[in-house]
Amino acid sequence: MSSRSASAILLYDGSCALCGASVQFLLRHERSHVLRFAPLAGATGLTVRAGHPELAGADSMVWYEPASGLVRIRSDAALAAARYLGGAWSALAAAAALVPRRLRDRLYDLIARHRHRFTGAACVVPTAAQRARFLDLDRP
């Protein structure tokens, strides 16, 4: 994991069970325990989106590295999260990166468009140990 990833923030749809399950998956499989999380509709998400016009209207996963200002969305964000996990997940991300972004994003968009139908609505409830890594918990 790079030092840039160490301070990364994953923005996610706080009302989507699939997104919540993705956050829980990352929490279960990460080794370094430094990734932070924030809902897209929270203060952090709104601030990041305001500083990056390319995120206007984005309702997908966003990988944000505050130190560099780098943002990745859609399938690129998912691949960044997999690389963050390291090991076999990083190898899987490298293989998936060989697929043209246009195709990856189409698949991502298809899943995202129907994510509420697949899983309904839910929220992420972090443990006491994880709570400090979640930004904007008092807000949506």
C-alpha atoms as a PDB file:
ATOM      1  CA  MET A   1       0.000   0.000   0.000  1.00  0.00           C
ATOM      2  CA  SER A   2       1.353   3.421  -0.894  1.00  0.00           C
ATOM      3  CA  SER A   3       1.627   6.250   1.600  1.00  0.00           C
ATOM      4  CA  ARG A   4      -0.954   8.131  -0.496  1.00  0.00           C
ATOM      5  CA  SER A   5      -3.456   5.329   0.068  1.00  0.00           C
ATOM      6  CA  ALA A   6      -2.776   5.498   3.790  1.00  0.00           C
ATOM      7  CA  SER A   7      -4.759   8.720   4.042  1.00  0.00           C
ATOM      8  CA  ALA A   8      -7.412   7.891   1.463  1.00  0.00           C
ATOM      9  CA  ILE A   9     -11.128   8.397   2.024  1.00  0.00           C
ATOM     10  CA  LEU A  10     -13.757   6.195   0.430  1.00  0.00           C
ATOM     11  CA  LEU A  11     -16.983   8.081  -0.254  1.00  0.00           C
ATOM     12  CA  TYR A  12     -20.024   5.814  -0.561  1.00  0.00           C
ATOM     13  CA  ASP A  13     -23.798   5.990  -0.839  1.00  0.00           C
ATOM     14  CA  GLY A  14     -24.871   5.880   2.794  1.00  0.00           C
ATOM     15  CA  SER A  15     -28.364   4.625   1.955  1.00  0.00           C
ATOM     16  CA  CYS A  16     -27.311   1.680  -0.212  1.00  0.00           C
ATOM     17  CA  ALA A  17     -26.975  -1.795   1.279  1.00  0.00           C
ATOM     18  CA  LEU A  18     -24.591  -2.907  -1.483  1.00  0.00           C
ATOM     19  CA  CYS A  19     -22.372   0.091  -0.755  1.00  0.00           C
ATOM     20  CA  GLY A  20     -22.582  -0.641   2.964  1.00  0.00           C
ATOM     21  CA  ALA A  21     -21.667  -4.262   2.305  1.00  0.00           C
ATOM     22  CA  SER A  22     -18.668  -3.059   0.287  1.00  0.00           C
ATOM     23  CA  VAL A  23     -17.532  -0.898   3.206  1.00  0.00           C
ATOM     24  CA  GLN A  24     -17.956  -3.840   5.597  1.00  0.00           C
ATOM     25  CA  PHE A  25     -15.971  -6.045   3.181  1.00  0.00           C
ATOM     26  CA  LEU A  26     -13.114  -3.535   3.174  1.00  0.00           C
ATOM     27  CA  LEU A  27     -13.169  -3.318   6.961  1.00  0.00           C
ATOM     28  CA  ARG A  28     -12.993  -7.116   7.266  1.00  0.00           C
ATOM     29  CA  HIS A  29     -10.180  -7.598   4.771  1.00  0.00           C
ATOM     30  CA  GLU A  30      -7.907  -4.603   5.215  1.00  0.00           C
ATOM     31  CA  ARG A  31      -4.548  -4.995   6.899  1.00  0.00           C
ATOM     32  CA  SER A  32      -3.452  -1.461   7.659  1.00  0.00           C
ATOM     33  CA  HIS A  33      -6.697  -0.062   9.118  1.00  0.00           C
ATOM     34  CA  VAL A  34      -6.079   3.497   7.926  1.00  0.00           C
ATOM     35  CA  LEU A  35      -8.674   3.938   5.201  1.00  0.00           C
ATOM     36  CA  ARG A  36     -11.386   6.402   6.193  1.00  0.00           C
ATOM     37  CA  PHE A  37     -15.012   6.393   5.082  1.00  0.00           C
ATOM     38  CA  ALA A  38     -17.633   9.078   4.522  1.00  0.00           C
ATOM     39  CA  PRO A  39     -21.093   9.140   2.960  1.00  0.00           C
ATOM     40  CA  LEU A  40     -21.365  10.997  -0.352  1.00  0.00           C
ATOM     41  CA  ALA A  41     -24.154  13.157   1.098  1.00  0.00           C
ATOM     42  CA  GLY A  42     -22.206  14.080   4.242  1.00  0.00           C
ATOM     43  CA  ALA A  43     -20.131  17.218   4.796  1.00  0.00           C
ATOM     44  CA  THR A  44     -16.893  15.528   3.695  1.00  0.00           C
ATOM     45  CA  GLY A  45     -18.500  14.134   0.546  1.00  0.00           C
ATOM     46  CA  LEU A  46     -20.021  17.497  -0.336  1.00  0.00           C
ATOM     47  CA  THR A  47     -16.683  19.264   0.235  1.00  0.00           C
ATOM     48  CA  VAL A  48     -14.786  16.789  -1.939  1.00  0.00           C
ATOM     49  CA  ARG A  49     -17.424  17.013  -4.654  1.00  0.00           C
ATOM     50  CA  ALA A  50     -17.390  20.834  -4.563  1.00  0.00           C
ATOM     51  CA  GLY A  51     -13.624  20.811  -5.122  1.00  0.00           C
ATOM     52  CA  HIS A  52     -13.839  18.433  -8.079  1.00  0.00           C
ATOM     53  CA  PRO A  53     -16.251  19.517 -10.824  1.00  0.00           C
ATOM     54  CA  GLU A  54     -15.909  16.116 -12.499  1.00  0.00           C
ATOM     55  CA  LEU A  55     -17.823  14.678  -9.531  1.00  0.00           C
ATOM     56  CA  ALA A  56     -20.913  16.832 -10.123  1.00  0.00           C
ATOM     57  CA  GLY A  57     -23.880  14.497 -10.046  1.00  0.00           C
ATOM     58  CA  ALA A  58     -21.717  11.515  -9.086  1.00  0.00           C
ATOM     59  CA  ASP A  59     -23.605   8.901  -7.116  1.00  0.00           C
ATOM     60  CA  SER A  60     -20.925   6.242  -7.287  1.00  0.00           C
ATOM     61  CA  MET A  61     -18.099   5.153  -5.065  1.00  0.00           C
ATOM     62  CA  VAL A  62     -15.354   7.794  -4.902  1.00  0.00           C
ATOM     63  CA  TRP A  63     -11.772   7.102  -3.829  1.00  0.00           C
ATOM     64  CA  TYR A  64     -10.199  10.363  -2.643  1.00  0.00           C
ATOM     65  CA  GLU A  65      -6.583  10.965  -1.642  1.00  0.00           C
ATOM     66  CA  PRO A  66      -6.497  14.314   0.183  1.00  0.00           C
ATOM     67  CA  ALA A  67      -2.699  14.672   0.094  1.00  0.00           C
ATOM     68  CA  SER A  68      -2.617  14.739  -3.706  1.00  0.00           C
ATOM     69  CA  GLY A  69      -6.215  15.723  -4.466  1.00  0.00           C
ATOM     70  CA  LEU A  70      -6.551  12.579  -6.583  1.00  0.00           C
ATOM     71  CA  VAL A  71     -10.081  11.305  -7.091  1.00  0.00           C
ATOM     72  CA  ARG A  72     -11.137   8.067  -8.705  1.00  0.00           C
ATOM     73  CA  ILE A  73     -14.731   7.195  -9.465  1.00  0.00           C
ATOM     74  CA  ARG A  74     -16.768   4.193 -10.531  1.00  0.00           C
ATOM     75  CA  SER A  75     -14.668   1.175 -11.517  1.00  0.00           C
ATOM     76  CA  ASP A  76     -11.395   3.052 -10.929  1.00  0.00           C
ATOM     77  CA  ALA A  77     -12.468   3.669  -7.325  1.00  0.00           C
ATOM     78  CA  ALA A  78     -13.324  -0.006  -6.877  1.00  0.00           C
ATOM     79  CA  LEU A  79      -9.917  -0.995  -8.271  1.00  0.00           C
ATOM     80  CA  ALA A  80      -8.182   1.489  -5.945  1.00  0.00           C
ATOM     81  CA  ALA A  81     -10.014  -0.085  -3.000  1.00  0.00           C
ATOM     82  CA  ALA A  82      -8.934  -3.575  -4.122  1.00  0.00           C
ATOM     83  CA  ARG A  83      -5.311  -2.398  -4.478  1.00  0.00           C
ATOM     84  CA  TYR A  84      -5.540  -0.917  -0.976  1.00  0.00           C
ATOM     85  CA  LEU A  85      -6.400  -4.388   0.371  1.00  0.00           C
ATOM     86  CA  GLY A  86      -3.201  -5.800  -1.112  1.00  0.00           C
ATOM     87  CA  GLY A  87      -2.389  -9.441  -1.703  1.00  0.00           C
ATOM     88  CA  ALA A  88      -4.684 -11.371  -4.021  1.00  0.00           C
ATOM     89  CA  TRP A  89      -7.088  -8.400  -4.181  1.00  0.00           C
ATOM     90  CA  SER A  90      -4.323  -6.233  -5.596  1.00  0.00           C
ATOM     91  CA  ALA A  91      -3.545  -8.899  -8.203  1.00  0.00           C
ATOM     92  CA  LEU A  92      -7.238  -9.091  -9.099  1.00  0.00           C
ATOM     93  CA  ALA A  93      -7.321  -5.293  -9.474  1.00  0.00           C
ATOM     94  CA  ALA A  94      -4.286  -5.423 -11.768  1.00  0.00           C
ATOM     95  CA  ALA A  95      -5.992  -8.023 -13.940  1.00  0.00           C
ATOM     96  CA  ALA A  96      -9.268  -6.071 -14.001  1.00  0.00           C
ATOM     97  CA  ALA A  97      -7.374  -2.909 -14.958  1.00  0.00           C
ATOM     98  CA  LEU A  98      -6.484  -4.638 -18.237  1.00  0.00           C
ATOM     99  CA  VAL A  99     -10.152  -4.401 -19.204  1.00  0.00           C
ATOM    100  CA  PRO A 100     -10.772  -1.034 -20.873  1.00  0.00           C
ATOM    101  CA  ARG A 101     -12.231   1.510 -18.448  1.00  0.00           C
ATOM    102  CA  ARG A 102     -15.187   2.087 -20.736  1.00  0.00           C
ATOM    103  CA  LEU A 103     -16.260  -1.561 -20.381  1.00  0.00           C
ATOM    104  CA  ARG A 104     -15.533  -1.679 -16.649  1.00  0.00           C
ATOM    105  CA  ASP A 105     -17.565   1.475 -16.101  1.00  0.00           C
ATOM    106  CA  ARG A 106     -20.486   0.110 -18.109  1.00  0.00           C
ATOM    107  CA  LEU A 107     -20.610  -2.939 -15.848  1.00  0.00           C
ATOM    108  CA  TYR A 108     -20.198  -0.721 -12.783  1.00  0.00           C
ATOM    109  CA  ASP A 109     -23.033   1.534 -13.981  1.00  0.00           C
ATOM    110  CA  LEU A 110     -25.307  -1.433 -14.648  1.00  0.00           C
ATOM    111  CA  ILE A 111     -24.808  -2.709 -11.102  1.00  0.00           C
ATOM    112  CA  ALA A 112     -25.067   0.806  -9.626  1.00  0.00           C
ATOM    113  CA  ARG A 113     -28.275   1.554 -11.493  1.00  0.00           C
ATOM    114  CA  HIS A 114     -29.953  -1.463  -9.922  1.00  0.00           C
ATOM    115  CA  ARG A 115     -28.140  -1.579  -6.554  1.00  0.00           C
ATOM    116  CA  HIS A 116     -31.181  -0.611  -4.484  1.00  0.00           C
ATOM    117  CA  ARG A 117     -33.222  -3.337  -6.174  1.00  0.00           C
ATOM    118  CA  PHE A 118     -30.560  -5.954  -5.459  1.00  0.00           C
ATOM    119  CA  THR A 119     -30.139  -5.187  -1.800  1.00  0.00           C
ATOM    120  CA  GLY A 120     -32.562  -2.558  -0.544  1.00  0.00           C
ATOM    121  CA  ALA A 121     -31.450   0.199   1.800  1.00  0.00           C
ATOM    122  CA  ALA A 122     -29.181  -0.074   4.804  1.00  0.00           C
ATOM    123  CA  CYS A 123     -26.595   1.838   6.743  1.00  0.00           C
ATOM    124  CA  VAL A 124     -23.118   1.011   7.945  1.00  0.00           C
ATOM    125  CA  VAL A 125     -22.793   0.750  11.702  1.00  0.00           C
ATOM    126  CA  PRO A 126     -19.101   0.800  12.623  1.00  0.00           C
ATOM    127  CA  THR A 127     -17.769  -0.837  15.752  1.00  0.00           C
ATOM    128  CA  ALA A 128     -16.376   1.369  18.508  1.00  0.00           C
ATOM    129  CA  ALA A 129     -12.853   0.651  17.227  1.00  0.00           C
ATOM    130  CA  GLN A 130     -13.814   1.637  13.651  1.00  0.00           C
ATOM    131  CA  ARG A 131     -15.875   4.716  14.545  1.00  0.00           C
ATOM    132  CA  ALA A 132     -12.955   7.190  14.442  1.00  0.00           C
ATOM    133  CA  ARG A 133     -12.325   6.283  10.796  1.00  0.00           C
ATOM    134  CA  PHE A 134     -15.863   7.244   9.746  1.00  0.00           C
ATOM    135  CA  LEU A 135     -16.318  10.903   8.934  1.00  0.00           C
ATOM    136  CA  ASP A 136     -19.636  12.732   9.266  1.00  0.00           C
ATOM    137  CA  LEU A 137     -21.361  10.037  11.314  1.00  0.00           C
ATOM    138  CA  ASP A 138     -23.616  12.592  12.924  1.00  0.00           C
ATOM    139  CA  ARG A 139     -24.870  13.701   9.511  1.00  0.00           C
ATOM    140  CA  PRO A 140     -26.381  11.798   6.538  1.00  0.00           C
END
